[in-house]
């Protein structure tokens, strides 16, 4: 019986505290809303014209379209990862899809991948694929780089 009375008193006390906090919060919100800027004066309101101006678009010239720069295939692949175009791929940029490959490419281990580091690794990979050393990949040579199929996951036998 004594515990029930103390729990009731505690519940009433907590309820009053929450109600007080709510009242202060509500007053603070109301005070912010009363400080809104006044409505514009009647002479400041400008009427919109009923007729729109007419212009012959044949006489108009817009800005010149941007010119696309010619990028090599390697540079296009590089820029897929270099999001901010500073010619350095940071670890976060590369981690978005290939963290293991990034660790292999970062030769000096400074968590920054320069275009040169990437190009050297890519050239070495190409040389490894080129079995006859003629600087050309045949379809058979290229097929050797095909990713290995993933082993099927065992079904759960719960």
C-alpha atoms as a PDB file:
ATOM      1  CA  UNK A   1       0.000   0.000   0.000  1.00  0.00           C
ATOM      2  CA  UNK A   2       2.793   2.384   0.954  1.00  0.00           C
ATOM      3  CA  UNK A   3       4.645   1.625  -2.308  1.00  0.00           C
ATOM      4  CA  UNK A   4       1.533   2.388  -4.392  1.00  0.00           C
ATOM      5  CA  UNK A   5       1.125   5.829  -2.783  1.00  0.00           C
ATOM      6  CA  UNK A   6       4.794   6.713  -3.355  1.00  0.00           C
ATOM      7  CA  UNK A   7       4.561   5.576  -6.984  1.00  0.00           C
ATOM      8  CA  UNK A   8       1.435   7.707  -7.473  1.00  0.00           C
ATOM      9  CA  UNK A   9       3.112  10.779  -5.960  1.00  0.00           C
ATOM     10  CA  UNK A  10       6.194  10.209  -8.085  1.00  0.00           C
ATOM     11  CA  UNK A  11       4.032   9.826 -11.224  1.00  0.00           C
ATOM     12  CA  UNK A  12       2.169  13.072 -10.488  1.00  0.00           C
ATOM     13  CA  UNK A  13       5.457  14.892  -9.851  1.00  0.00           C
ATOM     14  CA  UNK A  14       7.005  13.632 -13.138  1.00  0.00           C
ATOM     15  CA  UNK A  15       3.819  14.539 -15.001  1.00  0.00           C
ATOM     16  CA  UNK A  16       3.924  18.103 -13.642  1.00  0.00           C
ATOM     17  CA  UNK A  17       7.573  18.445 -14.660  1.00  0.00           C
ATOM     18  CA  UNK A  18       6.828  17.250 -18.196  1.00  0.00           C
ATOM     19  CA  UNK A  19       3.809  19.579 -18.430  1.00  0.00           C
ATOM     20  CA  UNK A  20       5.966  22.517 -17.275  1.00  0.00           C
ATOM     21  CA  UNK A  21       8.647  21.742 -19.845  1.00  0.00           C
ATOM     22  CA  UNK A  22       5.962  21.516 -22.528  1.00  0.00           C
ATOM     23  CA  UNK A  23       4.491  24.897 -21.565  1.00  0.00           C
ATOM     24  CA  UNK A  24       7.905  26.597 -21.697  1.00  0.00           C
ATOM     25  CA  UNK A  25       8.686  24.973 -25.051  1.00  0.00           C
ATOM     26  CA  UNK A  26       5.302  26.057 -26.449  1.00  0.00           C
ATOM     27  CA  UNK A  27       5.839  29.647 -25.250  1.00  0.00           C
ATOM     28  CA  UNK A  28       9.303  29.756 -26.803  1.00  0.00           C
ATOM     29  CA  UNK A  29       7.870  28.604 -30.153  1.00  0.00           C
ATOM     30  CA  UNK A  30       5.083  31.173 -29.942  1.00  0.00           C
ATOM     31  CA  UNK A  31       7.616  33.903 -29.163  1.00  0.00           C
ATOM     32  CA  UNK A  32       9.661  33.035 -32.258  1.00  0.00           C
ATOM     33  CA  UNK A  33       6.549  33.199 -34.438  1.00  0.00           C
ATOM     34  CA  UNK A  34       5.551  36.646 -33.106  1.00  0.00           C
ATOM     35  CA  UNK A  35       8.911  38.053 -34.261  1.00  0.00           C
ATOM     36  CA  UNK A  36       8.125  37.376 -37.921  1.00  0.00           C
ATOM     37  CA  UNK A  37       8.717  40.282 -40.341  1.00  0.00           C
ATOM     38  CA  UNK A  38       5.741  42.586 -40.892  1.00  0.00           C
ATOM     39  CA  UNK A  39       3.666  42.195 -44.056  1.00  0.00           C
ATOM     40  CA  UNK A  40       4.686  44.442 -46.972  1.00  0.00           C
ATOM     41  CA  UNK A  41       3.156  47.894 -47.241  1.00  0.00           C
ATOM     42  CA  UNK A  42       0.405  48.272 -49.885  1.00  0.00           C
ATOM     43  CA  UNK A  43       2.514  50.585 -52.088  1.00  0.00           C
ATOM     44  CA  UNK A  44       5.367  48.004 -52.167  1.00  0.00           C
ATOM     45  CA  UNK A  45       3.212  45.375 -53.867  1.00  0.00           C
ATOM     46  CA  UNK A  46       3.889  45.384 -57.608  1.00  0.00           C
ATOM     47  CA  UNK A  47       1.172  44.163 -59.956  1.00  0.00           C
ATOM     48  CA  UNK A  48       2.228  41.566 -62.494  1.00  0.00           C
ATOM     49  CA  UNK A  49       1.661  42.643 -66.114  1.00  0.00           C
ATOM     50  CA  UNK A  50      -1.238  40.984 -67.919  1.00  0.00           C
ATOM     51  CA  UNK A  51       0.721  40.562 -71.170  1.00  0.00           C
ATOM     52  CA  UNK A  52       4.003  38.716 -71.400  1.00  0.00           C
ATOM     53  CA  UNK A  53       6.773  40.234 -73.549  1.00  0.00           C
ATOM     54  CA  UNK A  54       7.233  38.640 -76.944  1.00  0.00           C
ATOM     55  CA  UNK A  55      10.697  37.816 -78.308  1.00  0.00           C
ATOM     56  CA  UNK A  56      11.674  36.083 -81.529  1.00  0.00           C
ATOM     57  CA  UNK A  57      13.837  33.129 -80.422  1.00  0.00           C
ATOM     58  CA  UNK A  58      15.511  33.030 -83.835  1.00  0.00           C
ATOM     59  CA  UNK A  59      17.469  36.171 -82.941  1.00  0.00           C
ATOM     60  CA  UNK A  60      18.703  34.890 -79.590  1.00  0.00           C
ATOM     61  CA  UNK A  61      22.071  33.262 -79.056  1.00  0.00           C
ATOM     62  CA  UNK A  62      22.933  31.343 -75.935  1.00  0.00           C
ATOM     63  CA  UNK A  63      26.278  30.523 -74.425  1.00  0.00           C
ATOM     64  CA  UNK A  64      28.547  28.163 -76.282  1.00  0.00           C
ATOM     65  CA  UNK A  65      28.237  24.544 -75.181  1.00  0.00           C
ATOM     66  CA  UNK A  66      31.096  23.231 -73.075  1.00  0.00           C
ATOM     67  CA  UNK A  67      33.774  21.423 -74.974  1.00  0.00           C
ATOM     68  CA  UNK A  68      34.407  17.821 -74.051  1.00  0.00           C
ATOM     69  CA  UNK A  69      38.009  17.023 -73.418  1.00  0.00           C
ATOM     70  CA  UNK A  70      39.466  13.932 -74.966  1.00  0.00           C
ATOM     71  CA  UNK A  71      40.342  11.482 -72.227  1.00  0.00           C
ATOM     72  CA  UNK A  72      42.099   8.237 -72.718  1.00  0.00           C
ATOM     73  CA  UNK A  73      40.362   5.069 -71.695  1.00  0.00           C
ATOM     74  CA  UNK A  74      42.633   4.801 -68.665  1.00  0.00           C
ATOM     75  CA  UNK A  75      41.814   8.350 -67.576  1.00  0.00           C
ATOM     76  CA  UNK A  76      38.066   7.707 -67.896  1.00  0.00           C
ATOM     77  CA  UNK A  77      38.396   4.611 -65.731  1.00  0.00           C
ATOM     78  CA  UNK A  78      40.530   6.563 -63.273  1.00  0.00           C
ATOM     79  CA  UNK A  79      37.986   9.376 -63.046  1.00  0.00           C
ATOM     80  CA  UNK A  80      35.187   6.933 -62.222  1.00  0.00           C
ATOM     81  CA  UNK A  81      36.806   6.711 -58.808  1.00  0.00           C
ATOM     82  CA  UNK A  82      38.312  10.216 -58.584  1.00  0.00           C
ATOM     83  CA  UNK A  83      35.048  11.961 -57.664  1.00  0.00           C
ATOM     84  CA  UNK A  84      36.473  15.411 -56.923  1.00  0.00           C
ATOM     85  CA  UNK A  85      38.747  15.437 -60.020  1.00  0.00           C
ATOM     86  CA  UNK A  86      41.935  16.354 -58.152  1.00  0.00           C
ATOM     87  CA  UNK A  87      43.823  13.608 -60.014  1.00  0.00           C
ATOM     88  CA  UNK A  88      44.299  11.732 -56.730  1.00  0.00           C
ATOM     89  CA  UNK A  89      42.009   8.952 -55.635  1.00  0.00           C
ATOM     90  CA  UNK A  90      41.668   9.007 -51.874  1.00  0.00           C
ATOM     91  CA  UNK A  91      40.975   5.932 -49.845  1.00  0.00           C
ATOM     92  CA  UNK A  92      37.357   6.947 -49.260  1.00  0.00           C
ATOM     93  CA  UNK A  93      36.769   7.431 -52.968  1.00  0.00           C
ATOM     94  CA  UNK A  94      38.159   4.025 -53.774  1.00  0.00           C
ATOM     95  CA  UNK A  95      36.526   2.287 -50.815  1.00  0.00           C
ATOM     96  CA  UNK A  96      33.151   3.012 -52.292  1.00  0.00           C
ATOM     97  CA  UNK A  97      33.464  -0.139 -54.348  1.00  0.00           C
ATOM     98  CA  UNK A  98      36.907  -1.776 -54.244  1.00  0.00           C
ATOM     99  CA  UNK A  99      38.856  -1.683 -50.989  1.00  0.00           C
ATOM    100  CA  UNK A 100      40.953  -4.804 -51.653  1.00  0.00           C
ATOM    101  CA  UNK A 101      41.971  -3.654 -55.122  1.00  0.00           C
ATOM    102  CA  UNK A 102      42.930  -0.250 -53.701  1.00  0.00           C
ATOM    103  CA  UNK A 103      45.362  -1.801 -51.220  1.00  0.00           C
ATOM    104  CA  UNK A 104      47.070  -3.652 -54.080  1.00  0.00           C
ATOM    105  CA  UNK A 105      47.366  -0.483 -56.188  1.00  0.00           C
ATOM    106  CA  UNK A 106      48.663   1.831 -53.436  1.00  0.00           C
ATOM    107  CA  UNK A 107      52.342   1.006 -53.875  1.00  0.00           C
ATOM    108  CA  UNK A 108      53.778   3.477 -51.340  1.00  0.00           C
ATOM    109  CA  UNK A 109      51.032   2.809 -48.736  1.00  0.00           C
ATOM    110  CA  UNK A 110      50.130   6.456 -48.107  1.00  0.00           C
ATOM    111  CA  UNK A 111      46.380   5.888 -48.696  1.00  0.00           C
ATOM    112  CA  UNK A 112      46.554   8.132 -51.775  1.00  0.00           C
ATOM    113  CA  UNK A 113      46.494   6.615 -55.223  1.00  0.00           C
ATOM    114  CA  UNK A 114      48.017   8.793 -57.915  1.00  0.00           C
ATOM    115  CA  UNK A 115      47.308   8.283 -61.583  1.00  0.00           C
ATOM    116  CA  UNK A 116      50.886   7.113 -62.079  1.00  0.00           C
ATOM    117  CA  UNK A 117      50.553   4.346 -59.459  1.00  0.00           C
ATOM    118  CA  UNK A 118      47.325   3.220 -61.069  1.00  0.00           C
ATOM    119  CA  UNK A 119      48.738   3.358 -64.608  1.00  0.00           C
ATOM    120  CA  UNK A 120      51.875   1.370 -63.676  1.00  0.00           C
ATOM    121  CA  UNK A 121      49.798  -1.362 -62.065  1.00  0.00           C
ATOM    122  CA  UNK A 122      47.457  -1.466 -65.054  1.00  0.00           C
ATOM    123  CA  UNK A 123      50.393  -1.669 -67.471  1.00  0.00           C
ATOM    124  CA  UNK A 124      51.914  -4.522 -65.434  1.00  0.00           C
ATOM    125  CA  UNK A 125      48.565  -6.313 -65.475  1.00  0.00           C
ATOM    126  CA  UNK A 126      48.388  -5.896 -69.257  1.00  0.00           C
ATOM    127  CA  UNK A 127      51.914  -7.276 -69.631  1.00  0.00           C
ATOM    128  CA  UNK A 128      50.913 -10.259 -67.529  1.00  0.00           C
ATOM    129  CA  UNK A 129      47.926 -10.944 -69.795  1.00  0.00           C
ATOM    130  CA  UNK A 130      49.958 -10.583 -73.004  1.00  0.00           C
ATOM    131  CA  UNK A 131      51.281 -14.143 -73.243  1.00  0.00           C
ATOM    132  CA  UNK A 132      53.184 -13.764 -76.527  1.00  0.00           C
ATOM    133  CA  UNK A 133      54.578 -10.285 -75.727  1.00  0.00           C
ATOM    134  CA  UNK A 134      53.354  -8.549 -78.900  1.00  0.00           C
ATOM    135  CA  UNK A 135      51.596  -5.693 -76.992  1.00  0.00           C
ATOM    136  CA  UNK A 136      48.204  -6.893 -78.248  1.00  0.00           C
ATOM    137  CA  UNK A 137      45.610  -8.981 -76.483  1.00  0.00           C
ATOM    138  CA  UNK A 138      43.832 -11.665 -78.424  1.00  0.00           C
ATOM    139  CA  UNK A 139      40.372 -12.791 -77.264  1.00  0.00           C
ATOM    140  CA  UNK A 140      41.968 -15.909 -75.786  1.00  0.00           C
ATOM    141  CA  UNK A 141      44.532 -13.852 -73.845  1.00  0.00           C
ATOM    142  CA  UNK A 142      41.851 -11.477 -72.629  1.00  0.00           C
ATOM    143  CA  UNK A 143      39.667 -14.394 -71.518  1.00  0.00           C
ATOM    144  CA  UNK A 144      42.359 -15.395 -69.020  1.00  0.00           C
ATOM    145  CA  UNK A 145      41.433 -12.315 -66.945  1.00  0.00           C
ATOM    146  CA  UNK A 146      37.811 -13.371 -66.607  1.00  0.00           C
ATOM    147  CA  UNK A 147      36.714 -13.242 -62.950  1.00  0.00           C
ATOM    148  CA  UNK A 148      36.365 -16.631 -61.348  1.00  0.00           C
ATOM    149  CA  UNK A 149      32.787 -17.677 -60.709  1.00  0.00           C
ATOM    150  CA  UNK A 150      31.788 -17.518 -57.105  1.00  0.00           C
ATOM    151  CA  UNK A 151      31.109 -20.765 -55.339  1.00  0.00           C
ATOM    152  CA  UNK A 152      27.426 -21.176 -54.517  1.00  0.00           C
ATOM    153  CA  UNK A 153      26.558 -20.584 -50.905  1.00  0.00           C
ATOM    154  CA  UNK A 154      25.383 -23.632 -49.028  1.00  0.00           C
ATOM    155  CA  UNK A 155      21.704 -23.577 -48.211  1.00  0.00           C
ATOM    156  CA  UNK A 156      20.880 -22.948 -44.606  1.00  0.00           C
ATOM    157  CA  UNK A 157      19.783 -26.118 -42.848  1.00  0.00           C
ATOM    158  CA  UNK A 158      18.377 -24.682 -39.704  1.00  0.00           C
END
